[in-house]
Amino acid sequence: MSNQLEQVLKKQKQQQNAPQEGEIENVIQLVGFMVGDEEFAVPILGIEEIIKPIEYTRVPKTPPYVLGVFNLRGSVLPLIDLRMKFGLSRSKENEDTRYMVIKHNEEVAGFVIDRLTQATRIKESAIEPAPETLNDEQNLIYGVGKQKEKLISILNVEALLKRDF
């Protein structure tokens, strides 16, 4: 058999074994972070930026988890402590504390997180919907991503940014 014919046959075999266009599985890119002892994640496309803590101003008559507002390059954004929003006690800021600025449509807010973990990719088929016990209008959990030896709660960005203050 000629070398050229052999290459054509080899290429055909590769194409047969490759996934078809409709079979390619969607992968979601997430940024993981810690709040208390739990790891959470949000889709990377919802993150505007992640910054070190900066000065903020308290706003009266807001829920305790709304720390106030901060100025980010001319935009005044609300600052929400995720520990307090999740019912945990507030902790002191340290060198790992970050503000994660999240945007969905026209809503933008900063969220205080304890520390970043890692960016990760999870196949959509590895994400289970939020447990039924959590199904209510305030549900902040989009789903639970399964990785090799751990589960990651994926937050619903739209619900997270919903203003109830």
C-alpha atoms as a PDB file:
ATOM      1  CA  MET A   1       0.000   0.000   0.000  1.00  0.00           C
ATOM      2  CA  SER A   2       1.305   3.426  -0.858  1.00  0.00           C
ATOM      3  CA  ASN A   3       2.227   5.839   1.922  1.00  0.00           C
ATOM      4  CA  GLN A   4      -0.361   8.380   0.739  1.00  0.00           C
ATOM      5  CA  LEU A   5      -3.201   5.819   0.772  1.00  0.00           C
ATOM      6  CA  GLU A   6      -2.124   4.705   4.231  1.00  0.00           C
ATOM      7  CA  GLN A   7      -2.354   8.291   5.495  1.00  0.00           C
ATOM      8  CA  VAL A   8      -5.861   8.727   4.016  1.00  0.00           C
ATOM      9  CA  LEU A   9      -7.076   5.513   5.694  1.00  0.00           C
ATOM     10  CA  LYS A  10      -5.525   6.572   8.987  1.00  0.00           C
ATOM     11  CA  LYS A  11      -7.236   9.983   8.782  1.00  0.00           C
ATOM     12  CA  GLN A  12     -10.600   8.350   8.007  1.00  0.00           C
ATOM     13  CA  LYS A  13     -10.258   6.083  11.039  1.00  0.00           C
ATOM     14  CA  GLN A  14      -9.504   9.103  13.278  1.00  0.00           C
ATOM     15  CA  GLN A  15     -12.572  10.929  11.980  1.00  0.00           C
ATOM     16  CA  GLN A  16     -14.765   7.910  12.667  1.00  0.00           C
ATOM     17  CA  ASN A  17     -13.523   7.744  16.266  1.00  0.00           C
ATOM     18  CA  ALA A  18     -13.842  11.504  16.839  1.00  0.00           C
ATOM     19  CA  PRO A  19     -17.092  12.771  18.400  1.00  0.00           C
ATOM     20  CA  GLN A  20     -19.646  14.053  15.932  1.00  0.00           C
ATOM     21  CA  GLU A  21     -20.439  17.776  15.916  1.00  0.00           C
ATOM     22  CA  GLY A  22     -23.681  17.381  17.895  1.00  0.00           C
ATOM     23  CA  GLU A  23     -22.042  15.046  20.420  1.00  0.00           C
ATOM     24  CA  ILE A  24     -19.412  17.458  21.731  1.00  0.00           C
ATOM     25  CA  GLU A  25     -20.154  17.995  25.397  1.00  0.00           C
ATOM     26  CA  ASN A  26     -20.465  21.501  26.795  1.00  0.00           C
ATOM     27  CA  VAL A  27     -17.998  22.463  29.481  1.00  0.00           C
ATOM     28  CA  ILE A  28     -18.573  25.274  31.958  1.00  0.00           C
ATOM     29  CA  GLN A  29     -15.584  27.247  33.212  1.00  0.00           C
ATOM     30  CA  LEU A  30     -15.879  28.193  36.875  1.00  0.00           C
ATOM     31  CA  VAL A  31     -13.899  30.135  39.454  1.00  0.00           C
ATOM     32  CA  GLY A  32     -13.809  28.412  42.826  1.00  0.00           C
ATOM     33  CA  PHE A  33     -13.628  30.169  46.176  1.00  0.00           C
ATOM     34  CA  MET A  34     -14.083  29.488  49.865  1.00  0.00           C
ATOM     35  CA  VAL A  35     -16.721  30.948  52.160  1.00  0.00           C
ATOM     36  CA  GLY A  36     -16.205  29.519  55.611  1.00  0.00           C
ATOM     37  CA  ASP A  37     -15.332  25.837  55.212  1.00  0.00           C
ATOM     38  CA  GLU A  38     -17.322  25.348  52.007  1.00  0.00           C
ATOM     39  CA  GLU A  39     -16.139  25.657  48.424  1.00  0.00           C
ATOM     40  CA  PHE A  40     -18.385  27.469  45.974  1.00  0.00           C
ATOM     41  CA  ALA A  41     -17.995  28.464  42.350  1.00  0.00           C
ATOM     42  CA  VAL A  42     -19.475  30.886  39.840  1.00  0.00           C
ATOM     43  CA  PRO A  43     -19.219  30.803  36.049  1.00  0.00           C
ATOM     44  CA  ILE A  44     -16.149  32.708  34.944  1.00  0.00           C
ATOM     45  CA  LEU A  45     -18.210  34.727  32.447  1.00  0.00           C
ATOM     46  CA  GLY A  46     -20.142  36.322  35.332  1.00  0.00           C
ATOM     47  CA  ILE A  47     -17.007  37.681  36.994  1.00  0.00           C
ATOM     48  CA  GLU A  48     -16.053  41.236  36.140  1.00  0.00           C
ATOM     49  CA  GLU A  49     -12.902  41.164  38.281  1.00  0.00           C
ATOM     50  CA  ILE A  50     -11.382  40.032  41.558  1.00  0.00           C
ATOM     51  CA  ILE A  51      -9.633  42.610  43.727  1.00  0.00           C
ATOM     52  CA  LYS A  52      -7.971  42.923  47.100  1.00  0.00           C
ATOM     53  CA  PRO A  53     -10.176  44.576  49.736  1.00  0.00           C
ATOM     54  CA  ILE A  54     -10.505  48.346  49.508  1.00  0.00           C
ATOM     55  CA  GLU A  55     -12.222  50.930  51.670  1.00  0.00           C
ATOM     56  CA  TYR A  56     -16.020  50.897  51.717  1.00  0.00           C
ATOM     57  CA  THR A  57     -18.716  53.121  53.229  1.00  0.00           C
ATOM     58  CA  ARG A  58     -21.528  51.797  55.432  1.00  0.00           C
ATOM     59  CA  VAL A  59     -25.080  52.466  54.269  1.00  0.00           C
ATOM     60  CA  PRO A  60     -27.808  52.788  56.919  1.00  0.00           C
ATOM     61  CA  LYS A  61     -30.931  50.617  56.973  1.00  0.00           C
ATOM     62  CA  THR A  62     -29.521  47.762  54.916  1.00  0.00           C
ATOM     63  CA  PRO A  63     -29.445  44.082  55.929  1.00  0.00           C
ATOM     64  CA  PRO A  64     -26.409  43.083  58.037  1.00  0.00           C
ATOM     65  CA  TYR A  65     -24.818  41.193  55.122  1.00  0.00           C
ATOM     66  CA  VAL A  66     -24.666  44.405  53.040  1.00  0.00           C
ATOM     67  CA  LEU A  67     -21.449  45.938  54.316  1.00  0.00           C
ATOM     68  CA  GLY A  68     -21.949  49.147  52.344  1.00  0.00           C
ATOM     69  CA  VAL A  69     -20.753  50.527  49.029  1.00  0.00           C
ATOM     70  CA  PHE A  70     -17.333  50.920  47.457  1.00  0.00           C
ATOM     71  CA  ASN A  71     -15.962  52.925  44.558  1.00  0.00           C
ATOM     72  CA  LEU A  72     -14.458  50.887  41.744  1.00  0.00           C
ATOM     73  CA  ARG A  73     -13.041  53.165  39.042  1.00  0.00           C
ATOM     74  CA  GLY A  74     -15.906  55.639  39.327  1.00  0.00           C
ATOM     75  CA  SER A  75     -18.706  53.086  39.784  1.00  0.00           C
ATOM     76  CA  VAL A  76     -20.312  52.849  43.222  1.00  0.00           C
ATOM     77  CA  LEU A  77     -21.142  49.204  43.914  1.00  0.00           C
ATOM     78  CA  PRO A  78     -22.814  47.447  46.848  1.00  0.00           C
ATOM     79  CA  LEU A  79     -20.531  45.203  48.901  1.00  0.00           C
ATOM     80  CA  ILE A  80     -22.062  41.976  50.208  1.00  0.00           C
ATOM     81  CA  ASP A  81     -20.408  39.674  52.725  1.00  0.00           C
ATOM     82  CA  LEU A  82     -21.150  36.121  51.541  1.00  0.00           C
ATOM     83  CA  ARG A  83     -20.342  34.665  54.969  1.00  0.00           C
ATOM     84  CA  MET A  84     -23.131  36.724  56.521  1.00  0.00           C
ATOM     85  CA  LYS A  85     -25.503  36.135  53.594  1.00  0.00           C
ATOM     86  CA  PHE A  86     -25.035  32.395  54.103  1.00  0.00           C
ATOM     87  CA  GLY A  87     -25.733  32.700  57.836  1.00  0.00           C
ATOM     88  CA  LEU A  88     -22.133  32.403  59.030  1.00  0.00           C
ATOM     89  CA  SER A  89     -20.420  34.789  61.420  1.00  0.00           C
ATOM     90  CA  ARG A  90     -18.317  37.583  59.974  1.00  0.00           C
ATOM     91  CA  SER A  91     -14.563  37.065  59.973  1.00  0.00           C
ATOM     92  CA  LYS A  92     -11.699  39.512  59.942  1.00  0.00           C
ATOM     93  CA  GLU A  93     -10.133  40.289  56.589  1.00  0.00           C
ATOM     94  CA  ASN A  94      -6.736  38.684  55.994  1.00  0.00           C
ATOM     95  CA  GLU A  95      -4.237  38.404  53.141  1.00  0.00           C
ATOM     96  CA  ASP A  96      -6.483  35.851  51.349  1.00  0.00           C
ATOM     97  CA  THR A  97      -9.703  37.915  51.503  1.00  0.00           C
ATOM     98  CA  ARG A  98     -10.902  39.175  48.118  1.00  0.00           C
ATOM     99  CA  TYR A  99     -13.767  41.169  46.630  1.00  0.00           C
ATOM    100  CA  MET A 100     -15.279  39.354  43.667  1.00  0.00           C
ATOM    101  CA  VAL A 101     -17.123  41.778  41.386  1.00  0.00           C
ATOM    102  CA  ILE A 102     -19.929  39.900  39.650  1.00  0.00           C
ATOM    103  CA  LYS A 103     -22.108  41.167  36.809  1.00  0.00           C
ATOM    104  CA  HIS A 104     -25.290  39.797  35.256  1.00  0.00           C
ATOM    105  CA  ASN A 105     -27.145  41.909  32.709  1.00  0.00           C
ATOM    106  CA  GLU A 106     -27.057  45.398  34.252  1.00  0.00           C
ATOM    107  CA  GLU A 107     -26.717  44.265  37.893  1.00  0.00           C
ATOM    108  CA  VAL A 108     -23.233  44.514  39.419  1.00  0.00           C
ATOM    109  CA  ALA A 109     -22.084  43.968  43.001  1.00  0.00           C
ATOM    110  CA  GLY A 110     -18.987  43.105  44.997  1.00  0.00           C
ATOM    111  CA  PHE A 111     -18.919  40.011  47.190  1.00  0.00           C
ATOM    112  CA  VAL A 112     -16.490  39.380  50.034  1.00  0.00           C
ATOM    113  CA  ILE A 113     -14.996  35.887  49.824  1.00  0.00           C
ATOM    114  CA  ASP A 114     -12.554  34.242  52.223  1.00  0.00           C
ATOM    115  CA  ARG A 115     -10.127  33.057  49.547  1.00  0.00           C
ATOM    116  CA  LEU A 116      -9.870  31.954  45.944  1.00  0.00           C
ATOM    117  CA  THR A 117      -9.270  28.299  45.211  1.00  0.00           C
ATOM    118  CA  GLN A 118      -8.902  27.595  41.497  1.00  0.00           C
ATOM    119  CA  ALA A 119     -10.397  27.975  38.083  1.00  0.00           C
ATOM    120  CA  THR A 120     -11.927  24.727  36.946  1.00  0.00           C
ATOM    121  CA  ARG A 121     -13.839  23.216  34.056  1.00  0.00           C
ATOM    122  CA  ILE A 122     -16.821  20.956  34.643  1.00  0.00           C
ATOM    123  CA  LYS A 123     -18.842  19.134  32.014  1.00  0.00           C
ATOM    124  CA  GLU A 124     -22.530  20.071  32.078  1.00  0.00           C
ATOM    125  CA  SER A 125     -23.357  16.386  32.527  1.00  0.00           C
ATOM    126  CA  ALA A 126     -21.389  16.423  35.817  1.00  0.00           C
ATOM    127  CA  ILE A 127     -23.616  19.160  37.281  1.00  0.00           C
ATOM    128  CA  GLU A 128     -26.649  18.018  39.224  1.00  0.00           C
ATOM    129  CA  PRO A 129     -29.546  20.436  39.792  1.00  0.00           C
ATOM    130  CA  ALA A 130     -29.930  22.008  43.228  1.00  0.00           C
ATOM    131  CA  PRO A 131     -31.535  19.583  45.705  1.00  0.00           C
ATOM    132  CA  GLU A 132     -35.323  19.888  45.870  1.00  0.00           C
ATOM    133  CA  THR A 133     -35.130  20.829  49.532  1.00  0.00           C
ATOM    134  CA  LEU A 134     -33.486  24.056  48.439  1.00  0.00           C
ATOM    135  CA  ASN A 135     -36.015  24.946  45.747  1.00  0.00           C
ATOM    136  CA  ASP A 136     -37.476  28.299  46.643  1.00  0.00           C
ATOM    137  CA  GLU A 137     -37.319  31.753  45.126  1.00  0.00           C
ATOM    138  CA  GLN A 138     -34.268  32.679  47.162  1.00  0.00           C
ATOM    139  CA  ASN A 139     -32.294  29.640  45.970  1.00  0.00           C
ATOM    140  CA  LEU A 140     -28.720  30.766  45.507  1.00  0.00           C
ATOM    141  CA  ILE A 141     -27.514  27.342  44.345  1.00  0.00           C
ATOM    142  CA  TYR A 142     -27.639  26.687  40.597  1.00  0.00           C
ATOM    143  CA  GLY A 143     -26.368  23.162  40.932  1.00  0.00           C
ATOM    144  CA  VAL A 144     -23.735  20.880  42.404  1.00  0.00           C
ATOM    145  CA  GLY A 145     -20.679  20.093  40.310  1.00  0.00           C
ATOM    146  CA  LYS A 146     -19.092  16.684  40.763  1.00  0.00           C
ATOM    147  CA  GLN A 147     -15.352  16.448  40.499  1.00  0.00           C
ATOM    148  CA  LYS A 148     -13.119  13.464  41.219  1.00  0.00           C
ATOM    149  CA  GLU A 149     -13.286  13.454  45.009  1.00  0.00           C
ATOM    150  CA  LYS A 150     -15.320  16.539  45.875  1.00  0.00           C
ATOM    151  CA  LEU A 151     -18.557  18.419  45.273  1.00  0.00           C
ATOM    152  CA  ILE A 152     -18.703  22.141  44.497  1.00  0.00           C
ATOM    153  CA  SER A 153     -21.832  24.227  44.970  1.00  0.00           C
ATOM    154  CA  ILE A 154     -22.283  26.402  41.895  1.00  0.00           C
ATOM    155  CA  LEU A 155     -23.992  29.660  42.751  1.00  0.00           C
ATOM    156  CA  ASN A 156     -26.810  31.168  40.719  1.00  0.00           C
ATOM    157  CA  VAL A 157     -25.373  34.553  39.680  1.00  0.00           C
ATOM    158  CA  GLU A 158     -28.793  36.022  38.880  1.00  0.00           C
ATOM    159  CA  ALA A 159     -30.179  35.085  42.324  1.00  0.00           C
ATOM    160  CA  LEU A 160     -27.005  36.311  44.015  1.00  0.00           C
ATOM    161  CA  LEU A 161     -27.414  39.754  42.453  1.00  0.00           C
ATOM    162  CA  LYS A 162     -31.140  40.001  43.151  1.00  0.00           C
ATOM    163  CA  ARG A 163     -31.639  43.075  45.345  1.00  0.00           C
ATOM    164  CA  ASP A 164     -33.682  42.525  48.463  1.00  0.00           C
ATOM    165  CA  PHE A 165     -32.457  45.648  50.210  1.00  0.00           C
END
